[in-house]
Every structure is written in C-alpha cells, then in structure tokens.
Amino acid sequence: MQLDITGHQLEVTEPIKDYIDTKFERIKRHFDQVLSVHVILSVEKIRHKSEATMHIGGKDFFAESTEDHLYKSIDAMIDKLDKQIRRHKSKLKNHNNKEALAINRTQY
C-alpha cells in the first residue's frame, strides 16, 4: 500500500505519520487489496480537517472529517473509510454468493 500524506498550513511530523499508518492497518485487516491512499491534513483557524482518497482496484473511496483536534479528525476519517470498505466488501461477498448459488442451481 502506497501511503501519501500532505499537509496544508501544517507540518506533517513523524508522530503524525506513524499515527496515520497504524490507523490504516485497521483498514488493511478488513480489505488487504488497497493500492494507494492520499491523505491531506489542513488547519483552518481552530478547525483541523483531514481527508483521504483511497484507491482499491478500480474503485475510489473518499472520506473527510473536521474536528477541533487533529487526532480526533483522523480517527473520524478512518472510521468513515472503514465503514465504506466493510460495506464494499460485504457487497462483493454477497454478489459472489448469489452467482455461486445460481451456478449451483443450474448444475443440478
């Protein structure tokens, strides 16, 4: 997985990079075919905004979050991406099961 982190009006330090990397490990547990992720962190007065675009084999996912603390914003963004990934994975799984059931019915 290629992880690209940029900051607008914010310096991206090693602890922030490590925190984001550990959070994306949770997503990789659910769906290990993540190709690339682009994370943008920005500060607007006292609001911290984080947004991410994730590319998975022909499909893109996007999530953003605005909070008063940077780490809370990252957590909320990861939660949104995780929910999208789990939903996508269940759709793939259900879709494949329907096809498998249809094939099994025609064989008998």
C-alpha atoms as a PDB file:
ATOM      1  CA  MET A   1       0.000   0.000   0.000  1.00  0.00           C
ATOM      2  CA  GLN A   2       1.355   3.369  -1.011  1.00  0.00           C
ATOM      3  CA  LEU A   3       0.557   5.996   1.642  1.00  0.00           C
ATOM      4  CA  ASP A   4       0.988   9.665   0.702  1.00  0.00           C
ATOM      5  CA  ILE A   5       0.474  12.285   3.441  1.00  0.00           C
ATOM      6  CA  THR A   6       0.484  16.024   2.773  1.00  0.00           C
ATOM      7  CA  GLY A   7      -0.230  18.985   4.998  1.00  0.00           C
ATOM      8  CA  HIS A   8      -1.754  22.349   4.181  1.00  0.00           C
ATOM      9  CA  GLN A   9      -0.849  25.066   6.690  1.00  0.00           C
ATOM     10  CA  LEU A  10       0.542  22.218   8.794  1.00  0.00           C
ATOM     11  CA  GLU A  11       3.855  20.434   9.118  1.00  0.00           C
ATOM     12  CA  VAL A  12       3.439  16.669   8.969  1.00  0.00           C
ATOM     13  CA  THR A  13       5.713  15.230  11.675  1.00  0.00           C
ATOM     14  CA  GLU A  14       6.850  11.653  12.220  1.00  0.00           C
ATOM     15  CA  PRO A  15       4.398  11.026  15.113  1.00  0.00           C
ATOM     16  CA  ILE A  16       1.510  12.100  12.874  1.00  0.00           C
ATOM     17  CA  LYS A  17       2.737   9.836  10.061  1.00  0.00           C
ATOM     18  CA  ASP A  18       3.111   6.910  12.458  1.00  0.00           C
ATOM     19  CA  TYR A  19      -0.362   7.519  13.893  1.00  0.00           C
ATOM     20  CA  ILE A  20      -1.960   7.545  10.438  1.00  0.00           C
ATOM     21  CA  ASP A  21      -0.013   4.452   9.403  1.00  0.00           C
ATOM     22  CA  THR A  22      -1.178   2.497  12.462  1.00  0.00           C
ATOM     23  CA  LYS A  23      -4.774   3.575  11.847  1.00  0.00           C
ATOM     24  CA  PHE A  24      -4.653   2.376   8.245  1.00  0.00           C
ATOM     25  CA  GLU A  25      -3.529  -1.038   9.482  1.00  0.00           C
ATOM     26  CA  ARG A  26      -7.125  -1.498  10.697  1.00  0.00           C
ATOM     27  CA  ILE A  27      -8.428  -0.953   7.178  1.00  0.00           C
ATOM     28  CA  LYS A  28      -5.854  -3.343   5.745  1.00  0.00           C
ATOM     29  CA  ARG A  29      -7.169  -6.016   8.129  1.00  0.00           C
ATOM     30  CA  HIS A  30     -10.616  -5.764   6.539  1.00  0.00           C
ATOM     31  CA  PHE A  31      -9.500  -5.388   2.932  1.00  0.00           C
ATOM     32  CA  ASP A  32      -5.899  -6.132   2.013  1.00  0.00           C
ATOM     33  CA  GLN A  33      -6.096  -5.065  -1.645  1.00  0.00           C
ATOM     34  CA  VAL A  34      -5.606  -1.338  -1.007  1.00  0.00           C
ATOM     35  CA  LEU A  35      -3.402   0.091  -3.762  1.00  0.00           C
ATOM     36  CA  SER A  36      -2.865   3.699  -2.743  1.00  0.00           C
ATOM     37  CA  VAL A  37      -4.024   6.245  -0.184  1.00  0.00           C
ATOM     38  CA  HIS A  38      -3.644  10.007  -0.337  1.00  0.00           C
ATOM     39  CA  VAL A  39      -4.213  11.851   2.958  1.00  0.00           C
ATOM     40  CA  ILE A  40      -4.463  15.647   3.215  1.00  0.00           C
ATOM     41  CA  LEU A  41      -4.303  17.332   6.618  1.00  0.00           C
ATOM     42  CA  SER A  42      -5.129  21.009   6.974  1.00  0.00           C
ATOM     43  CA  VAL A  43      -5.748  23.627   9.641  1.00  0.00           C
ATOM     44  CA  GLU A  44      -8.345  26.394   9.311  1.00  0.00           C
ATOM     45  CA  LYS A  45      -8.165  28.641  12.369  1.00  0.00           C
ATOM     46  CA  ILE A  46      -9.019  26.209  15.180  1.00  0.00           C
ATOM     47  CA  ARG A  47     -10.594  23.504  12.997  1.00  0.00           C
ATOM     48  CA  HIS A  48      -8.465  20.564  11.899  1.00  0.00           C
ATOM     49  CA  LYS A  49      -9.544  18.883   8.700  1.00  0.00           C
ATOM     50  CA  SER A  50      -8.380  15.533   7.405  1.00  0.00           C
ATOM     51  CA  GLU A  51      -9.415  13.942   4.153  1.00  0.00           C
ATOM     52  CA  ALA A  52      -8.349  10.795   2.373  1.00  0.00           C
ATOM     53  CA  THR A  53      -8.810   9.259  -1.029  1.00  0.00           C
ATOM     54  CA  MET A  54      -8.279   5.514  -1.228  1.00  0.00           C
ATOM     55  CA  HIS A  55      -7.885   3.601  -4.494  1.00  0.00           C
ATOM     56  CA  ILE A  56      -8.829  -0.073  -4.495  1.00  0.00           C
ATOM     57  CA  GLY A  57      -8.670  -1.988  -7.754  1.00  0.00           C
ATOM     58  CA  GLY A  58     -10.980   0.134  -9.916  1.00  0.00           C
ATOM     59  CA  LYS A  59     -12.896   1.842  -7.118  1.00  0.00           C
ATOM     60  CA  ASP A  60     -12.133   5.036  -5.196  1.00  0.00           C
ATOM     61  CA  PHE A  61     -13.297   5.887  -1.689  1.00  0.00           C
ATOM     62  CA  PHE A  62     -13.276   9.339  -0.144  1.00  0.00           C
ATOM     63  CA  ALA A  63     -13.795  10.490   3.421  1.00  0.00           C
ATOM     64  CA  GLU A  64     -13.256  13.746   5.255  1.00  0.00           C
ATOM     65  CA  SER A  65     -13.667  14.944   8.788  1.00  0.00           C
ATOM     66  CA  THR A  66     -13.409  18.291  10.566  1.00  0.00           C
ATOM     67  CA  GLU A  67     -12.837  18.385  14.315  1.00  0.00           C
ATOM     68  CA  ASP A  68     -11.283  20.682  16.902  1.00  0.00           C
ATOM     69  CA  HIS A  69      -8.335  18.317  17.430  1.00  0.00           C
ATOM     70  CA  LEU A  70      -6.167  16.762  14.703  1.00  0.00           C
ATOM     71  CA  TYR A  71      -6.126  13.241  16.112  1.00  0.00           C
ATOM     72  CA  LYS A  72      -9.918  13.226  16.584  1.00  0.00           C
ATOM     73  CA  SER A  73     -10.253  14.303  12.970  1.00  0.00           C
ATOM     74  CA  ILE A  74      -8.003  11.470  11.784  1.00  0.00           C
ATOM     75  CA  ASP A  75      -9.947   8.940  13.875  1.00  0.00           C
ATOM     76  CA  ALA A  76     -13.288  10.073  12.457  1.00  0.00           C
ATOM     77  CA  MET A  77     -11.945   9.967   8.895  1.00  0.00           C
ATOM     78  CA  ILE A  78     -10.595   6.427   9.397  1.00  0.00           C
ATOM     79  CA  ASP A  79     -13.936   5.324  10.863  1.00  0.00           C
ATOM     80  CA  LYS A  80     -15.737   6.613   7.769  1.00  0.00           C
ATOM     81  CA  LEU A  81     -13.325   4.885   5.401  1.00  0.00           C
ATOM     82  CA  ASP A  82     -13.533   1.677   7.394  1.00  0.00           C
ATOM     83  CA  LYS A  83     -17.311   1.712   7.178  1.00  0.00           C
ATOM     84  CA  GLN A  84     -17.178   2.244   3.412  1.00  0.00           C
ATOM     85  CA  ILE A  85     -14.654  -0.576   2.984  1.00  0.00           C
ATOM     86  CA  ARG A  86     -16.702  -3.012   5.083  1.00  0.00           C
ATOM     87  CA  ARG A  87     -19.832  -2.143   3.107  1.00  0.00           C
ATOM     88  CA  HIS A  88     -17.974  -2.624  -0.193  1.00  0.00           C
ATOM     89  CA  LYS A  89     -16.549  -5.945   0.963  1.00  0.00           C
ATOM     90  CA  SER A  90     -19.971  -7.223   2.017  1.00  0.00           C
ATOM     91  CA  LYS A  91     -21.421  -6.223  -1.358  1.00  0.00           C
ATOM     92  CA  LEU A  92     -18.673  -8.142  -3.124  1.00  0.00           C
ATOM     93  CA  LYS A  93     -19.188 -11.132  -0.887  1.00  0.00           C
ATOM     94  CA  ASN A  94     -22.983 -11.146  -1.322  1.00  0.00           C
ATOM     95  CA  HIS A  95     -22.663 -10.631  -5.059  1.00  0.00           C
ATOM     96  CA  ASN A  96     -20.290 -13.553  -5.383  1.00  0.00           C
ATOM     97  CA  ASN A  97     -22.524 -15.783  -3.262  1.00  0.00           C
ATOM     98  CA  LYS A  98     -25.547 -15.061  -5.475  1.00  0.00           C
ATOM     99  CA  GLU A  99     -23.545 -16.021  -8.539  1.00  0.00           C
ATOM    100  CA  ALA A 100     -22.312 -19.179  -6.834  1.00  0.00           C
ATOM    101  CA  LEU A 101     -25.887 -20.122  -5.879  1.00  0.00           C
ATOM    102  CA  ALA A 102     -27.099 -19.554  -9.439  1.00  0.00           C
ATOM    103  CA  ILE A 103     -24.322 -21.746 -10.849  1.00  0.00           C
ATOM    104  CA  ASN A 104     -25.025 -24.493  -8.323  1.00  0.00           C
ATOM    105  CA  ARG A 105     -28.745 -24.469  -9.137  1.00  0.00           C
ATOM    106  CA  THR A 106     -28.134 -24.885 -12.884  1.00  0.00           C
ATOM    107  CA  GLN A 107     -25.813 -27.843 -12.348  1.00  0.00           C
ATOM    108  CA  TYR A 108     -28.475 -29.989 -10.665  1.00  0.00           C
END
